[in-house]
């Protein structure tokens, strides 16, 4: 479920707007992130924007906790990220070397 298609709401009120925000947070276009934040603030209010940003940040934190505890990367994610992990040298990190192949 990605993209800005209004029909892509996941059955949640303002869902497409929330998906747009998540895509912008994960993306690399500062203008799109600003536009997504503005849309949430104008439509749902400042408190909703704060809550939305907090949830997005929490998911990032949960992922970091999982990584730091040594939870292995799922096989399909390892396969999907193999080339870019090699390109940026992440498999050379100590924890990856201990587990083998970044997993």
C-alpha atoms as a PDB file:
ATOM      1  CA  UNK A   1       0.000   0.000   0.000  1.00  0.00           C
ATOM      2  CA  UNK A   2       1.971   2.951  -1.283  1.00  0.00           C
ATOM      3  CA  UNK A   3       1.364   6.001  -3.402  1.00  0.00           C
ATOM      4  CA  UNK A   4      -0.867   9.027  -3.413  1.00  0.00           C
ATOM      5  CA  UNK A   5      -3.919   7.450  -5.059  1.00  0.00           C
ATOM      6  CA  UNK A   6      -6.960   8.574  -3.058  1.00  0.00           C
ATOM      7  CA  UNK A   7      -8.478   5.090  -3.403  1.00  0.00           C
ATOM      8  CA  UNK A   8      -5.452   3.699  -1.579  1.00  0.00           C
ATOM      9  CA  UNK A   9      -6.808   4.504   1.876  1.00  0.00           C
ATOM     10  CA  UNK A  10      -6.600   1.062   3.481  1.00  0.00           C
ATOM     11  CA  UNK A  11     -10.143   1.543   4.701  1.00  0.00           C
ATOM     12  CA  UNK A  12      -8.971   4.186   7.185  1.00  0.00           C
ATOM     13  CA  UNK A  13     -10.294   7.748   7.248  1.00  0.00           C
ATOM     14  CA  UNK A  14      -7.662   9.943   5.583  1.00  0.00           C
ATOM     15  CA  UNK A  15      -5.690   6.757   4.923  1.00  0.00           C
ATOM     16  CA  UNK A  16      -4.314   7.889   1.564  1.00  0.00           C
ATOM     17  CA  UNK A  17      -3.023  11.048   3.233  1.00  0.00           C
ATOM     18  CA  UNK A  18      -1.305   8.959   5.912  1.00  0.00           C
ATOM     19  CA  UNK A  19       0.218   6.668   3.277  1.00  0.00           C
ATOM     20  CA  UNK A  20       1.508   9.751   1.466  1.00  0.00           C
ATOM     21  CA  UNK A  21       3.163  10.905   4.690  1.00  0.00           C
ATOM     22  CA  UNK A  22       4.781   7.519   5.312  1.00  0.00           C
ATOM     23  CA  UNK A  23       6.066   7.389   1.730  1.00  0.00           C
ATOM     24  CA  UNK A  24       7.479  10.900   2.158  1.00  0.00           C
ATOM     25  CA  UNK A  25       9.153  10.029   5.465  1.00  0.00           C
ATOM     26  CA  UNK A  26      10.798   7.018   3.827  1.00  0.00           C
ATOM     27  CA  UNK A  27      11.626   8.971   0.673  1.00  0.00           C
ATOM     28  CA  UNK A  28      14.186  11.611  -0.138  1.00  0.00           C
ATOM     29  CA  UNK A  29      12.071  14.536  -1.343  1.00  0.00           C
ATOM     30  CA  UNK A  30      11.915  17.271   1.328  1.00  0.00           C
ATOM     31  CA  UNK A  31       9.253  19.134  -0.643  1.00  0.00           C
ATOM     32  CA  UNK A  32       6.966  16.094  -0.660  1.00  0.00           C
ATOM     33  CA  UNK A  33       7.474  15.630   3.082  1.00  0.00           C
ATOM     34  CA  UNK A  34       6.541  19.269   3.689  1.00  0.00           C
ATOM     35  CA  UNK A  35       3.459  18.908   1.477  1.00  0.00           C
ATOM     36  CA  UNK A  36       2.391  15.686   3.228  1.00  0.00           C
ATOM     37  CA  UNK A  37       2.810  17.307   6.668  1.00  0.00           C
ATOM     38  CA  UNK A  38       0.876  20.376   5.565  1.00  0.00           C
ATOM     39  CA  UNK A  39      -1.969  18.249   4.195  1.00  0.00           C
ATOM     40  CA  UNK A  40      -2.312  16.355   7.491  1.00  0.00           C
ATOM     41  CA  UNK A  41      -2.152  19.528   9.582  1.00  0.00           C
ATOM     42  CA  UNK A  42      -4.726  21.324   7.432  1.00  0.00           C
ATOM     43  CA  UNK A  43      -7.115  18.366   7.188  1.00  0.00           C
ATOM     44  CA  UNK A  44      -6.721  16.598  10.512  1.00  0.00           C
ATOM     45  CA  UNK A  45      -5.090  19.216  12.722  1.00  0.00           C
ATOM     46  CA  UNK A  46      -1.772  19.757  14.415  1.00  0.00           C
ATOM     47  CA  UNK A  47      -2.323  17.086  17.061  1.00  0.00           C
ATOM     48  CA  UNK A  48      -2.923  14.476  14.346  1.00  0.00           C
ATOM     49  CA  UNK A  49       0.290  15.529  12.623  1.00  0.00           C
ATOM     50  CA  UNK A  50       2.183  15.135  15.877  1.00  0.00           C
ATOM     51  CA  UNK A  51       0.655  11.695  16.463  1.00  0.00           C
ATOM     52  CA  UNK A  52       1.363  10.618  12.877  1.00  0.00           C
ATOM     53  CA  UNK A  53       5.000  11.704  13.078  1.00  0.00           C
ATOM     54  CA  UNK A  54       5.386   9.995  16.465  1.00  0.00           C
ATOM     55  CA  UNK A  55       4.060   6.699  15.114  1.00  0.00           C
ATOM     56  CA  UNK A  56       6.413   6.890  12.113  1.00  0.00           C
ATOM     57  CA  UNK A  57       9.343   7.594  14.436  1.00  0.00           C
ATOM     58  CA  UNK A  58       8.328   4.754  16.731  1.00  0.00           C
ATOM     59  CA  UNK A  59       8.415   2.269  13.859  1.00  0.00           C
ATOM     60  CA  UNK A  60      11.969   3.388  13.106  1.00  0.00           C
ATOM     61  CA  UNK A  61      12.887   2.950  16.771  1.00  0.00           C
ATOM     62  CA  UNK A  62      11.303  -0.507  16.951  1.00  0.00           C
ATOM     63  CA  UNK A  63      13.348  -1.567  13.934  1.00  0.00           C
ATOM     64  CA  UNK A  64      16.523  -0.323  15.600  1.00  0.00           C
ATOM     65  CA  UNK A  65      15.682  -2.215  18.794  1.00  0.00           C
ATOM     66  CA  UNK A  66      15.104  -5.393  16.781  1.00  0.00           C
ATOM     67  CA  UNK A  67      18.409  -4.903  14.972  1.00  0.00           C
ATOM     68  CA  UNK A  68      20.330  -4.271  18.183  1.00  0.00           C
ATOM     69  CA  UNK A  69      18.971  -7.399  19.842  1.00  0.00           C
ATOM     70  CA  UNK A  70      20.188  -9.550  16.987  1.00  0.00           C
ATOM     71  CA  UNK A  71      16.826 -10.540  15.560  1.00  0.00           C
ATOM     72  CA  UNK A  72      17.740 -12.024  12.182  1.00  0.00           C
ATOM     73  CA  UNK A  73      16.724 -10.409   8.922  1.00  0.00           C
ATOM     74  CA  UNK A  74      14.041 -12.427   7.145  1.00  0.00           C
ATOM     75  CA  UNK A  75      15.325 -14.449   4.165  1.00  0.00           C
ATOM     76  CA  UNK A  76      13.242 -12.537   1.623  1.00  0.00           C
ATOM     77  CA  UNK A  77      14.438  -9.178   2.980  1.00  0.00           C
ATOM     78  CA  UNK A  78      18.036 -10.403   2.963  1.00  0.00           C
ATOM     79  CA  UNK A  79      17.691 -11.447  -0.676  1.00  0.00           C
ATOM     80  CA  UNK A  80      15.962  -8.197  -1.656  1.00  0.00           C
ATOM     81  CA  UNK A  81      18.665  -6.046  -0.041  1.00  0.00           C
ATOM     82  CA  UNK A  82      21.750  -8.113  -0.885  1.00  0.00           C
ATOM     83  CA  UNK A  83      23.091  -5.873  -3.665  1.00  0.00           C
ATOM     84  CA  UNK A  84      22.709  -2.550  -1.860  1.00  0.00           C
ATOM     85  CA  UNK A  85      24.036  -3.957   1.436  1.00  0.00           C
ATOM     86  CA  UNK A  86      27.147  -5.046  -0.468  1.00  0.00           C
ATOM     87  CA  UNK A  87      27.364  -1.676  -2.256  1.00  0.00           C
ATOM     88  CA  UNK A  88      27.356   0.358   0.955  1.00  0.00           C
ATOM     89  CA  UNK A  89      29.491  -2.098   2.900  1.00  0.00           C
ATOM     90  CA  UNK A  90      26.937  -2.843   5.598  1.00  0.00           C
ATOM     91  CA  UNK A  91      27.896  -6.511   5.582  1.00  0.00           C
ATOM     92  CA  UNK A  92      31.316  -5.449   6.878  1.00  0.00           C
ATOM     93  CA  UNK A  93      29.827  -4.152  10.147  1.00  0.00           C
ATOM     94  CA  UNK A  94      30.821  -6.205  13.178  1.00  0.00           C
ATOM     95  CA  UNK A  95      27.321  -7.422  13.981  1.00  0.00           C
ATOM     96  CA  UNK A  96      26.702  -8.466  10.378  1.00  0.00           C
ATOM     97  CA  UNK A  97      29.986 -10.319  10.239  1.00  0.00           C
ATOM     98  CA  UNK A  98      29.106 -12.194  13.441  1.00  0.00           C
ATOM     99  CA  UNK A  99      25.779 -13.316  11.957  1.00  0.00           C
ATOM    100  CA  UNK A 100      26.980 -13.766   8.367  1.00  0.00           C
ATOM    101  CA  UNK A 101      25.699 -12.040   5.213  1.00  0.00           C
ATOM    102  CA  UNK A 102      24.093  -9.146   7.085  1.00  0.00           C
ATOM    103  CA  UNK A 103      21.522 -11.388   8.716  1.00  0.00           C
END
